C-alpha atoms as a PDB file:
ATOM      1  CA  MET A   1      38.113 -18.300  -7.563  1.00  0.00           C
ATOM      2  CA  THR A   2      40.474 -20.517  -9.650  1.00  0.00           C
ATOM      3  CA  VAL A   3      42.211 -23.209  -7.518  1.00  0.00           C
ATOM      4  CA  ARG A   4      46.050 -22.994  -7.668  1.00  0.00           C
ATOM      5  CA  SER A   5      47.933 -26.087  -8.785  1.00  0.00           C
ATOM      6  CA  ASP A   6      49.732 -26.267  -5.289  1.00  0.00           C
ATOM      7  CA  ALA A   7      46.479 -25.928  -3.367  1.00  0.00           C
ATOM      8  CA  ARG A   8      45.973 -27.974  -0.264  1.00  0.00           C
ATOM      9  CA  TRP A   9      42.747 -30.060  -0.147  1.00  0.00           C
ATOM     10  CA  LEU A  10      40.860 -31.508   2.692  1.00  0.00           C
ATOM     11  CA  VAL A  11      38.364 -34.423   2.060  1.00  0.00           C
ATOM     12  CA  THR A  12      35.980 -35.065   5.062  1.00  0.00           C
ATOM     13  CA  GLY A  13      34.096 -38.335   5.206  1.00  0.00           C
ATOM     14  CA  ALA A  14      37.047 -39.745   3.190  1.00  0.00           C
ATOM     15  CA  HIS A  15      36.480 -43.392   4.040  1.00  0.00           C
ATOM     16  CA  GLY A  16      32.781 -43.471   2.884  1.00  0.00           C
ATOM     17  CA  LEU A  17      31.579 -44.563  -0.591  1.00  0.00           C
ATOM     18  CA  LEU A  18      31.974 -40.961  -2.213  1.00  0.00           C
ATOM     19  CA  GLY A  19      34.902 -39.907   0.050  1.00  0.00           C
ATOM     20  CA  ARG A  20      37.057 -42.726  -1.214  1.00  0.00           C
ATOM     21  CA  GLU A  21      36.467 -41.795  -4.821  1.00  0.00           C
ATOM     22  CA  LEU A  22      36.991 -38.136  -4.102  1.00  0.00           C
ATOM     23  CA  VAL A  23      40.515 -38.941  -2.675  1.00  0.00           C
ATOM     24  CA  ALA A  24      41.145 -41.152  -5.823  1.00  0.00           C
ATOM     25  CA  ALA A  25      40.137 -38.318  -8.157  1.00  0.00           C
ATOM     26  CA  LEU A  26      42.625 -36.089  -6.396  1.00  0.00           C
ATOM     27  CA  ALA A  27      45.600 -38.367  -6.985  1.00  0.00           C
ATOM     28  CA  GLY A  28      48.674 -36.252  -7.432  1.00  0.00           C
ATOM     29  CA  ARG A  29      47.411 -33.356  -5.393  1.00  0.00           C
ATOM     30  CA  GLN A  30      48.129 -32.166  -1.897  1.00  0.00           C
ATOM     31  CA  VAL A  31      45.390 -34.080  -0.047  1.00  0.00           C
ATOM     32  CA  THR A  32      44.490 -34.576   3.626  1.00  0.00           C
ATOM     33  CA  ALA A  33      41.942 -37.318   3.894  1.00  0.00           C
ATOM     34  CA  ARG A  34      39.882 -37.618   7.163  1.00  0.00           C
ATOM     35  CA  GLY A  35      37.313 -40.290   7.896  1.00  0.00           C
ATOM     36  CA  ARG A  36      34.799 -40.133  10.815  1.00  0.00           C
ATOM     37  CA  SER A  37      37.141 -41.785  13.336  1.00  0.00           C
ATOM     38  CA  GLU A  38      39.839 -39.183  12.510  1.00  0.00           C
ATOM     39  CA  LEU A  39      37.837 -36.015  12.228  1.00  0.00           C
ATOM     40  CA  ASP A  40      34.534 -35.341  14.038  1.00  0.00           C
ATOM     41  CA  ILE A  41      32.730 -32.587  12.128  1.00  0.00           C
ATOM     42  CA  THR A  42      30.310 -31.990  15.172  1.00  0.00           C
ATOM     43  CA  ASP A  43      33.510 -30.722  17.064  1.00  0.00           C
ATOM     44  CA  PRO A  44      34.050 -27.050  15.988  1.00  0.00           C
ATOM     45  CA  ASP A  45      37.576 -26.847  17.434  1.00  0.00           C
ATOM     46  CA  ALA A  46      38.646 -30.042  15.606  1.00  0.00           C
ATOM     47  CA  ILE A  47      37.164 -28.826  12.301  1.00  0.00           C
ATOM     48  CA  ALA A  48      38.852 -25.388  12.629  1.00  0.00           C
ATOM     49  CA  ASP A  49      42.193 -27.058  13.316  1.00  0.00           C
ATOM     50  CA  ALA A  50      41.758 -29.459  10.314  1.00  0.00           C
ATOM     51  CA  ILE A  51      40.730 -26.576   7.827  1.00  0.00           C
ATOM     52  CA  SER A  52      43.465 -24.153   9.051  1.00  0.00           C
ATOM     53  CA  GLY A  53      45.790 -25.664   6.518  1.00  0.00           C
ATOM     54  CA  ALA A  54      43.356 -26.176   3.652  1.00  0.00           C
ATOM     55  CA  ASP A  55      42.567 -24.118   0.459  1.00  0.00           C
ATOM     56  CA  VAL A  56      39.763 -26.323  -0.717  1.00  0.00           C
ATOM     57  CA  VAL A  57      37.449 -28.421   1.427  1.00  0.00           C
ATOM     58  CA  LEU A  58      35.180 -31.292  -0.072  1.00  0.00           C
ATOM     59  CA  ASN A  59      32.703 -32.168   2.729  1.00  0.00           C
ATOM     60  CA  ALA A  60      31.467 -35.624   2.113  1.00  0.00           C
ATOM     61  CA  ALA A  61      30.902 -36.428   5.749  1.00  0.00           C
ATOM     62  CA  ALA A  62      27.426 -37.085   6.654  1.00  0.00           C
ATOM     63  CA  TYR A  63      24.841 -39.328   8.707  1.00  0.00           C
ATOM     64  CA  THR A  64      23.613 -41.348   5.875  1.00  0.00           C
ATOM     65  CA  ALA A  65      21.700 -44.153   7.628  1.00  0.00           C
ATOM     66  CA  VAL A  66      18.279 -43.024   6.353  1.00  0.00           C
ATOM     67  CA  ASP A  67      16.189 -45.557   8.356  1.00  0.00           C
ATOM     68  CA  ALA A  68      18.253 -45.220  11.585  1.00  0.00           C
ATOM     69  CA  ALA A  69      17.778 -41.395  11.362  1.00  0.00           C
ATOM     70  CA  GLU A  70      14.041 -41.954  12.005  1.00  0.00           C
ATOM     71  CA  TYR A  71      14.834 -43.001  15.489  1.00  0.00           C
ATOM     72  CA  ASP A  72      17.935 -40.833  15.918  1.00  0.00           C
ATOM     73  CA  GLU A  73      17.105 -37.493  14.391  1.00  0.00           C
ATOM     74  CA  ASP A  74      19.203 -35.506  16.916  1.00  0.00           C
ATOM     75  CA  GLY A  75      22.350 -37.567  15.848  1.00  0.00           C
ATOM     76  CA  ALA A  76      21.624 -37.099  12.241  1.00  0.00           C
ATOM     77  CA  PHE A  77      21.047 -33.272  12.948  1.00  0.00           C
ATOM     78  CA  ALA A  78      24.369 -33.107  14.741  1.00  0.00           C
ATOM     79  CA  ALA A  79      26.359 -34.273  11.769  1.00  0.00           C
ATOM     80  CA  ASN A  80      24.179 -33.055   8.793  1.00  0.00           C
ATOM     81  CA  ALA A  81      23.147 -29.652  10.027  1.00  0.00           C
ATOM     82  CA  LEU A  82      25.495 -28.602  12.875  1.00  0.00           C
ATOM     83  CA  GLY A  83      28.560 -30.428  11.608  1.00  0.00           C
ATOM     84  CA  ALA A  84      27.973 -29.059   8.007  1.00  0.00           C
ATOM     85  CA  GLU A  85      27.683 -25.515   9.572  1.00  0.00           C
ATOM     86  CA  ASN A  86      30.934 -26.063  11.398  1.00  0.00           C
ATOM     87  CA  VAL A  87      32.724 -27.039   8.166  1.00  0.00           C
ATOM     88  CA  ALA A  88      31.176 -24.039   6.345  1.00  0.00           C
ATOM     89  CA  ARG A  89      32.043 -21.563   8.997  1.00  0.00           C
ATOM     90  CA  ALA A  90      35.657 -22.760   9.485  1.00  0.00           C
ATOM     91  CA  ALA A  91      36.162 -22.751   5.672  1.00  0.00           C
ATOM     92  CA  ALA A  92      34.862 -19.186   5.440  1.00  0.00           C
ATOM     93  CA  LEU A  93      37.184 -17.998   8.186  1.00  0.00           C
ATOM     94  CA  ARG A  94      40.016 -19.608   6.503  1.00  0.00           C
ATOM     95  CA  GLY A  95      39.033 -18.372   2.957  1.00  0.00           C
ATOM     96  CA  ALA A  96      38.914 -21.869   1.672  1.00  0.00           C
ATOM     97  CA  ARG A  97      36.808 -23.032  -1.275  1.00  0.00           C
ATOM     98  CA  LEU A  98      33.996 -25.352  -0.025  1.00  0.00           C
ATOM     99  CA  VAL A  99      31.952 -27.961  -1.779  1.00  0.00           C
ATOM    100  CA  HIS A 100      29.462 -29.586   0.442  1.00  0.00           C
ATOM    101  CA  VAL A 101      27.637 -32.796  -0.680  1.00  0.00           C
ATOM    102  CA  SER A 102      23.820 -33.077  -0.214  1.00  0.00           C
ATOM    103  CA  THR A 103      20.926 -35.349  -1.544  1.00  0.00           C
ATOM    104  CA  ASP A 104      17.637 -35.561  -3.414  1.00  0.00           C
ATOM    105  CA  TYR A 105      15.962 -36.520  -0.085  1.00  0.00           C
ATOM    106  CA  VAL A 106      15.560 -32.763   0.546  1.00  0.00           C
ATOM    107  CA  PHE A 107      12.555 -33.146  -1.831  1.00  0.00           C
ATOM    108  CA  ASP A 108       9.237 -34.846  -1.172  1.00  0.00           C
ATOM    109  CA  GLY A 109       9.239 -36.703  -4.460  1.00  0.00           C
ATOM    110  CA  ARG A 110       5.793 -35.571  -5.491  1.00  0.00           C
ATOM    111  CA  ALA A 111       7.016 -33.612  -8.720  1.00  0.00           C
ATOM    112  CA  THR A 112       6.430 -34.820 -12.202  1.00  0.00           C
ATOM    113  CA  SER A 113       9.300 -32.984 -13.823  1.00  0.00           C
ATOM    114  CA  ALA A 114      12.970 -32.767 -12.967  1.00  0.00           C
ATOM    115  CA  TYR A 115      13.647 -30.712  -9.704  1.00  0.00           C
ATOM    116  CA  ARG A 116      15.503 -27.454 -10.428  1.00  0.00           C
ATOM    117  CA  ALA A 117      18.306 -26.466  -7.970  1.00  0.00           C
ATOM    118  CA  ASP A 118      16.195 -23.639  -6.734  1.00  0.00           C
ATOM    119  CA  ALA A 119      13.144 -25.599  -5.998  1.00  0.00           C
ATOM    120  CA  PRO A 120      12.124 -25.324  -2.409  1.00  0.00           C
ATOM    121  CA  PRO A 121      13.146 -28.263  -0.148  1.00  0.00           C
ATOM    122  CA  SER A 122      10.248 -30.185   1.199  1.00  0.00           C
ATOM    123  CA  PRO A 123      11.690 -33.305   2.904  1.00  0.00           C
ATOM    124  CA  ILE A 124       9.531 -36.305   4.047  1.00  0.00           C
ATOM    125  CA  ASN A 125      11.822 -38.012   6.471  1.00  0.00           C
ATOM    126  CA  ALA A 126      14.356 -37.153   9.209  1.00  0.00           C
ATOM    127  CA  TYR A 127      17.482 -37.705   7.119  1.00  0.00           C
ATOM    128  CA  GLY A 128      16.010 -35.216   4.525  1.00  0.00           C
ATOM    129  CA  ARG A 129      15.172 -32.684   7.147  1.00  0.00           C
ATOM    130  CA  THR A 130      18.522 -32.790   8.588  1.00  0.00           C
ATOM    131  CA  LYS A 131      20.295 -32.505   5.226  1.00  0.00           C
ATOM    132  CA  ALA A 132      17.991 -29.694   4.039  1.00  0.00           C
ATOM    133  CA  GLU A 133      18.860 -27.767   7.211  1.00  0.00           C
ATOM    134  CA  GLY A 134      22.525 -28.363   6.588  1.00  0.00           C
ATOM    135  CA  GLU A 135      22.167 -26.845   3.256  1.00  0.00           C
ATOM    136  CA  ARG A 136      20.619 -23.616   4.728  1.00  0.00           C
ATOM    137  CA  ARG A 137      23.265 -23.394   7.341  1.00  0.00           C
ATOM    138  CA  VAL A 138      26.217 -23.984   4.941  1.00  0.00           C
ATOM    139  CA  MET A 139      24.871 -21.164   2.657  1.00  0.00           C
ATOM    140  CA  ALA A 140      24.299 -18.859   5.634  1.00  0.00           C
ATOM    141  CA  ALA A 141      27.789 -19.577   7.162  1.00  0.00           C
ATOM    142  CA  SER A 142      29.595 -19.157   3.720  1.00  0.00           C
ATOM    143  CA  ASP A 143      27.592 -15.959   2.790  1.00  0.00           C
ATOM    144  CA  GLY A 144      26.444 -17.894  -0.292  1.00  0.00           C
ATOM    145  CA  ARG A 145      30.028 -18.675  -1.575  1.00  0.00           C
ATOM    146  CA  ALA A 146      29.906 -22.443  -0.879  1.00  0.00           C
ATOM    147  CA  SER A 147      28.874 -24.872  -3.686  1.00  0.00           C
ATOM    148  CA  ILE A 148      26.427 -27.399  -2.621  1.00  0.00           C
ATOM    149  CA  VAL A 149      26.119 -30.562  -4.774  1.00  0.00           C
ATOM    150  CA  ARG A 150      22.985 -32.707  -4.531  1.00  0.00           C
ATOM    151  CA  THR A 151      23.212 -36.287  -5.783  1.00  0.00           C
ATOM    152  CA  ALA A 152      20.797 -39.351  -5.790  1.00  0.00           C
ATOM    153  CA  TRP A 153      20.731 -43.026  -5.769  1.00  0.00           C
ATOM    154  CA  LEU A 154      24.593 -43.115  -5.294  1.00  0.00           C
ATOM    155  CA  TYR A 155      26.412 -46.431  -5.628  1.00  0.00           C
ATOM    156  CA  GLY A 156      29.933 -47.695  -6.129  1.00  0.00           C
ATOM    157  CA  GLY A 157      31.292 -49.772  -3.305  1.00  0.00           C
ATOM    158  CA  PRO A 158      30.540 -52.711  -0.773  1.00  0.00           C
ATOM    159  CA  GLY A 159      27.146 -52.462   0.806  1.00  0.00           C
ATOM    160  CA  ASP A 160      25.637 -50.405  -2.117  1.00  0.00           C
ATOM    161  CA  PHE A 161      22.450 -51.123  -3.839  1.00  0.00           C
ATOM    162  CA  PRO A 162      24.021 -53.206  -6.756  1.00  0.00           C
ATOM    163  CA  HIS A 163      25.763 -55.363  -4.263  1.00  0.00           C
ATOM    164  CA  ALA A 164      22.682 -55.920  -2.319  1.00  0.00           C
ATOM    165  CA  VAL A 165      20.643 -56.974  -5.365  1.00  0.00           C
ATOM    166  CA  LEU A 166      23.420 -59.354  -6.418  1.00  0.00           C
ATOM    167  CA  ALA A 167      23.733 -60.838  -2.916  1.00  0.00           C
ATOM    168  CA  ALA A 168      19.877 -61.429  -2.817  1.00  0.00           C
ATOM    169  CA  ALA A 169      19.872 -62.931  -6.393  1.00  0.00           C
ATOM    170  CA  ARG A 170      22.473 -65.621  -5.480  1.00  0.00           C
ATOM    171  CA  THR A 171      20.325 -66.804  -2.570  1.00  0.00           C
ATOM    172  CA  GLY A 172      17.727 -67.766  -4.973  1.00  0.00           C
ATOM    173  CA  ARG A 173      15.135 -65.498  -3.351  1.00  0.00           C
ATOM    174  CA  PRO A 174      12.511 -63.876  -5.402  1.00  0.00           C
ATOM    175  CA  LEU A 175      13.452 -60.441  -6.379  1.00  0.00           C
ATOM    176  CA  ARG A 176      11.044 -57.393  -6.280  1.00  0.00           C
ATOM    177  CA  GLY A 177      11.555 -53.947  -7.343  1.00  0.00           C
ATOM    178  CA  ALA A 178       9.412 -50.801  -7.107  1.00  0.00           C
ATOM    179  CA  ASP A 179       8.053 -49.414 -10.256  1.00  0.00           C
ATOM    180  CA  ASP A 180       6.820 -46.232  -8.634  1.00  0.00           C
ATOM    181  CA  GLN A 181      10.295 -45.034  -7.546  1.00  0.00           C
ATOM    182  CA  ILE A 182      11.993 -43.111 -10.356  1.00  0.00           C
ATOM    183  CA  GLY A 183      15.492 -41.685 -10.074  1.00  0.00           C
ATOM    184  CA  GLN A 184      18.986 -41.360 -11.416  1.00  0.00           C
ATOM    185  CA  PRO A 185      21.402 -44.025 -10.505  1.00  0.00           C
ATOM    186  CA  THR A 186      24.809 -42.290  -9.904  1.00  0.00           C
ATOM    187  CA  TRP A 187      28.194 -43.894  -9.846  1.00  0.00           C
ATOM    188  CA  ALA A 188      30.241 -42.279  -7.209  1.00  0.00           C
ATOM    189  CA  ARG A 189      33.369 -42.338  -9.368  1.00  0.00           C
ATOM    190  CA  ASP A 190      31.679 -40.308 -11.923  1.00  0.00           C
ATOM    191  CA  LEU A 191      30.406 -37.788  -9.408  1.00  0.00           C
ATOM    192  CA  ALA A 192      33.799 -37.502  -7.623  1.00  0.00           C
ATOM    193  CA  LYS A 193      35.560 -36.478 -10.932  1.00  0.00           C
ATOM    194  CA  ARG A 194      32.991 -33.916 -11.593  1.00  0.00           C
ATOM    195  CA  ILE A 195      33.026 -32.516  -7.871  1.00  0.00           C
ATOM    196  CA  VAL A 196      36.795 -32.074  -8.306  1.00  0.00           C
ATOM    197  CA  GLU A 197      36.220 -30.301 -11.641  1.00  0.00           C
ATOM    198  CA  LEU A 198      33.606 -28.044  -9.967  1.00  0.00           C
ATOM    199  CA  ALA A 199      36.067 -27.161  -7.185  1.00  0.00           C
ATOM    200  CA  ASP A 200      38.911 -26.404  -9.573  1.00  0.00           C
ATOM    201  CA  ARG A 201      36.714 -24.052 -11.530  1.00  0.00           C
ATOM    202  CA  PRO A 202      35.746 -20.297 -10.861  1.00  0.00           C
ATOM    203  CA  VAL A 203      32.042 -21.206 -10.695  1.00  0.00           C
ATOM    204  CA  PRO A 204      29.622 -19.055  -8.533  1.00  0.00           C
ATOM    205  CA  GLY A 205      28.468 -20.431  -5.186  1.00  0.00           C
ATOM    206  CA  GLY A 206      25.029 -22.080  -5.075  1.00  0.00           C
ATOM    207  CA  ILE A 207      23.426 -25.431  -5.641  1.00  0.00           C
ATOM    208  CA  TYR A 208      24.187 -27.862  -8.412  1.00  0.00           C
ATOM    209  CA  HIS A 209      22.726 -31.206  -9.098  1.00  0.00           C
ATOM    210  CA  GLY A 210      25.297 -33.856  -9.687  1.00  0.00           C
ATOM    211  CA  THR A 211      23.699 -37.158 -11.060  1.00  0.00           C
ATOM    212  CA  ASN A 212      24.213 -39.370 -14.007  1.00  0.00           C
ATOM    213  CA  SER A 213      21.801 -38.432 -16.634  1.00  0.00           C
ATOM    214  CA  GLY A 214      18.627 -40.130 -17.606  1.00  0.00           C
ATOM    215  CA  GLN A 215      16.078 -41.704 -15.298  1.00  0.00           C
ATOM    216  CA  THR A 216      14.784 -45.148 -14.513  1.00  0.00           C
ATOM    217  CA  SER A 217      12.688 -47.094 -11.972  1.00  0.00           C
ATOM    218  CA  ARG A 218      14.008 -48.964  -9.056  1.00  0.00           C
ATOM    219  CA  ARG A 219      12.905 -52.161 -10.709  1.00  0.00           C
ATOM    220  CA  GLU A 220      14.499 -51.512 -14.040  1.00  0.00           C
ATOM    221  CA  PHE A 221      17.735 -50.532 -12.349  1.00  0.00           C
ATOM    222  CA  MET A 222      17.715 -53.926 -10.711  1.00  0.00           C
ATOM    223  CA  ARG A 223      17.198 -55.517 -14.037  1.00  0.00           C
ATOM    224  CA  ALA A 224      20.079 -53.620 -15.405  1.00  0.00           C
ATOM    225  CA  ILE A 225      22.334 -54.708 -12.561  1.00  0.00           C
ATOM    226  CA  LEU A 226      21.365 -58.313 -13.097  1.00  0.00           C
ATOM    227  CA  GLU A 227      22.041 -57.961 -16.941  1.00  0.00           C
ATOM    228  CA  ASP A 228      25.575 -56.653 -16.487  1.00  0.00           C
ATOM    229  CA  ALA A 229      26.160 -59.508 -13.792  1.00  0.00           C
ATOM    230  CA  GLY A 230      25.189 -62.144 -16.433  1.00  0.00           C
ATOM    231  CA  LEU A 231      21.899 -62.888 -14.475  1.00  0.00           C
ATOM    232  CA  GLY A 232      19.399 -61.204 -16.795  1.00  0.00           C
ATOM    233  CA  HIS A 233      17.456 -64.317 -16.948  1.00  0.00           C
ATOM    234  CA  LEU A 234      16.242 -63.826 -13.334  1.00  0.00           C
ATOM    235  CA  PRO A 235      12.798 -62.195 -13.057  1.00  0.00           C
ATOM    236  CA  VAL A 236      12.305 -59.119 -11.006  1.00  0.00           C
ATOM    237  CA  GLU A 237       8.657 -58.970  -9.771  1.00  0.00           C
ATOM    238  CA  SER A 238       6.772 -55.573  -9.989  1.00  0.00           C
ATOM    239  CA  ALA A 239       6.137 -54.013  -6.594  1.00  0.00           C
ATOM    240  CA  ARG A 240       5.319 -50.667  -5.005  1.00  0.00           C
ATOM    241  CA  ALA A 241       7.480 -48.791  -2.600  1.00  0.00           C
ATOM    242  CA  ILE A 242       4.931 -49.133   0.064  1.00  0.00           C
ATOM    243  CA  ASP A 243       5.258 -52.878  -0.163  1.00  0.00           C
ATOM    244  CA  PHE A 244       8.740 -52.707   1.401  1.00  0.00           C
ATOM    245  CA  ALA A 245       7.516 -50.994   4.656  1.00  0.00           C
ATOM    246  CA  MET A 246      10.856 -49.350   5.580  1.00  0.00           C
ATOM    247  CA  PRO A 247      10.957 -46.948   8.604  1.00  0.00           C
ATOM    248  CA  ALA A 248      11.670 -43.874   6.441  1.00  0.00           C
ATOM    249  CA  ALA A 249       9.431 -42.700   3.620  1.00  0.00           C
ATOM    250  CA  ARG A 250      11.426 -42.319   0.312  1.00  0.00           C
ATOM    251  CA  PRO A 251      10.817 -39.753  -2.390  1.00  0.00           C
ATOM    252  CA  ALA A 252       8.908 -41.435  -5.253  1.00  0.00           C
ATOM    253  CA  TRP A 253      10.506 -39.033  -7.728  1.00  0.00           C
ATOM    254  CA  SER A 254      14.230 -38.348  -7.490  1.00  0.00           C
ATOM    255  CA  VAL A 255      15.052 -36.833 -10.857  1.00  0.00           C
ATOM    256  CA  LEU A 256      17.095 -33.701 -10.594  1.00  0.00           C
ATOM    257  CA  ASP A 257      17.577 -30.914 -13.214  1.00  0.00           C
ATOM    258  CA  HIS A 258      21.059 -30.124 -14.378  1.00  0.00           C
ATOM    259  CA  ALA A 259      20.443 -26.442 -15.472  1.00  0.00           C
ATOM    260  CA  SER A 260      22.777 -24.845 -12.927  1.00  0.00           C
ATOM    261  CA  TRP A 261      25.468 -27.307 -13.637  1.00  0.00           C
ATOM    262  CA  ASP A 262      25.235 -26.768 -17.482  1.00  0.00           C
ATOM    263  CA  ALA A 263      25.147 -22.890 -16.896  1.00  0.00           C
ATOM    264  CA  ALA A 264      28.420 -23.181 -15.025  1.00  0.00           C
ATOM    265  CA  GLY A 265      30.024 -24.842 -18.052  1.00  0.00           C
ATOM    266  CA  LEU A 266      30.808 -27.912 -16.221  1.00  0.00           C
ATOM    267  CA  THR A 267      31.288 -31.289 -18.060  1.00  0.00           C
ATOM    268  CA  PRO A 268      27.804 -32.988 -18.326  1.00  0.00           C
ATOM    269  CA  MET A 269      27.578 -36.333 -16.524  1.00  0.00           C
ATOM    270  CA  ARG A 270      26.934 -39.224 -18.858  1.00  0.00           C
ATOM    271  CA  GLY A 271      23.883 -41.618 -18.984  1.00  0.00           C
ATOM    272  CA  TRP A 272      23.436 -43.841 -15.843  1.00  0.00           C
ATOM    273  CA  ARG A 273      23.229 -46.992 -17.965  1.00  0.00           C
ATOM    274  CA  GLU A 274      26.663 -46.554 -19.531  1.00  0.00           C
ATOM    275  CA  ALA A 275      28.009 -45.605 -16.087  1.00  0.00           C
ATOM    276  CA  LEU A 276      26.644 -48.764 -14.466  1.00  0.00           C
ATOM    277  CA  GLY A 277      28.211 -50.967 -17.013  1.00  0.00           C
ATOM    278  CA  ASP A 278      31.601 -49.327 -16.392  1.00  0.00           C
ATOM    279  CA  ALA A 279      31.050 -49.698 -12.572  1.00  0.00           C
ATOM    280  CA  ALA A 280      30.373 -53.368 -12.933  1.00  0.00           C
ATOM    281  CA  ARG A 281      33.612 -53.956 -14.695  1.00  0.00           C
ATOM    282  CA  ALA A 282      35.572 -51.719 -12.384  1.00  0.00           C
ATOM    283  CA  GLN A 283      34.161 -53.451  -9.283  1.00  0.00           C
ATOM    284  CA  GLY A 284      34.579 -56.918 -10.688  1.00  0.00           C
ATOM    285  CA  TRP A 285      30.864 -58.109 -10.799  1.00  0.00           C
ATOM    286  CA  ALA A 286      30.512 -57.751 -14.634  1.00  0.00           C
ATOM    287  CA  ALA A 287      29.816 -61.030 -16.445  1.00  0.00           C
END
């Protein structure tokens, strides 16, 4: 369906990294923005009430603490699977357009070519398992009419990967980056604009991959961050993902194919390196 100009939008997870950008991208529209403290997506009644006045729902609410999910899978499941289902069910009853945000972590990272949108999920950590189950429930509750947008290596605000790299660099500690983790750094502002475009257009329900184009290693991503901050002289030592010993395993390969995005006639997302430079300037850490 084509969204009317006077449509009422609901953004869940509105105070998160992506949620804030979604609200900004909807400037001038009729938008209700609800963060976690204002709307608990695990409460079916609260969700039904919030969606009762919405024509379009952008669900960016999620349990995103990847390592914490290893010890709290029930909590992650409540938000990422049951909560997502609540949103999809309420949107379907209302007849509202739904775009649900998911992740590359639904895959195991063992591929050697870009993951297609129809590739079977095979998560390797608790967060990925709960998000994969959320995708399944969203599609079932919406009878396939919802749009799911998977993204990867998202950044664009305080506490994100670029800020962590720069904070570490300024302490003078040696920097290390994994050469064996490959992905697509994605600026939340770019993704938010394209999600709004997708929601505005009469595209078919299904799964879409929303990432900045190209690919890079985690180490080269760090080097690019330092370059844009005027710290390109600092070395980044080569490392392997296993050297960092984090509770949750990360996919080694997080490159997503954009075929379904392109087939829907949506504006292609630009290269990750150009987007990073603009993000550095927008966030005030460019040299």
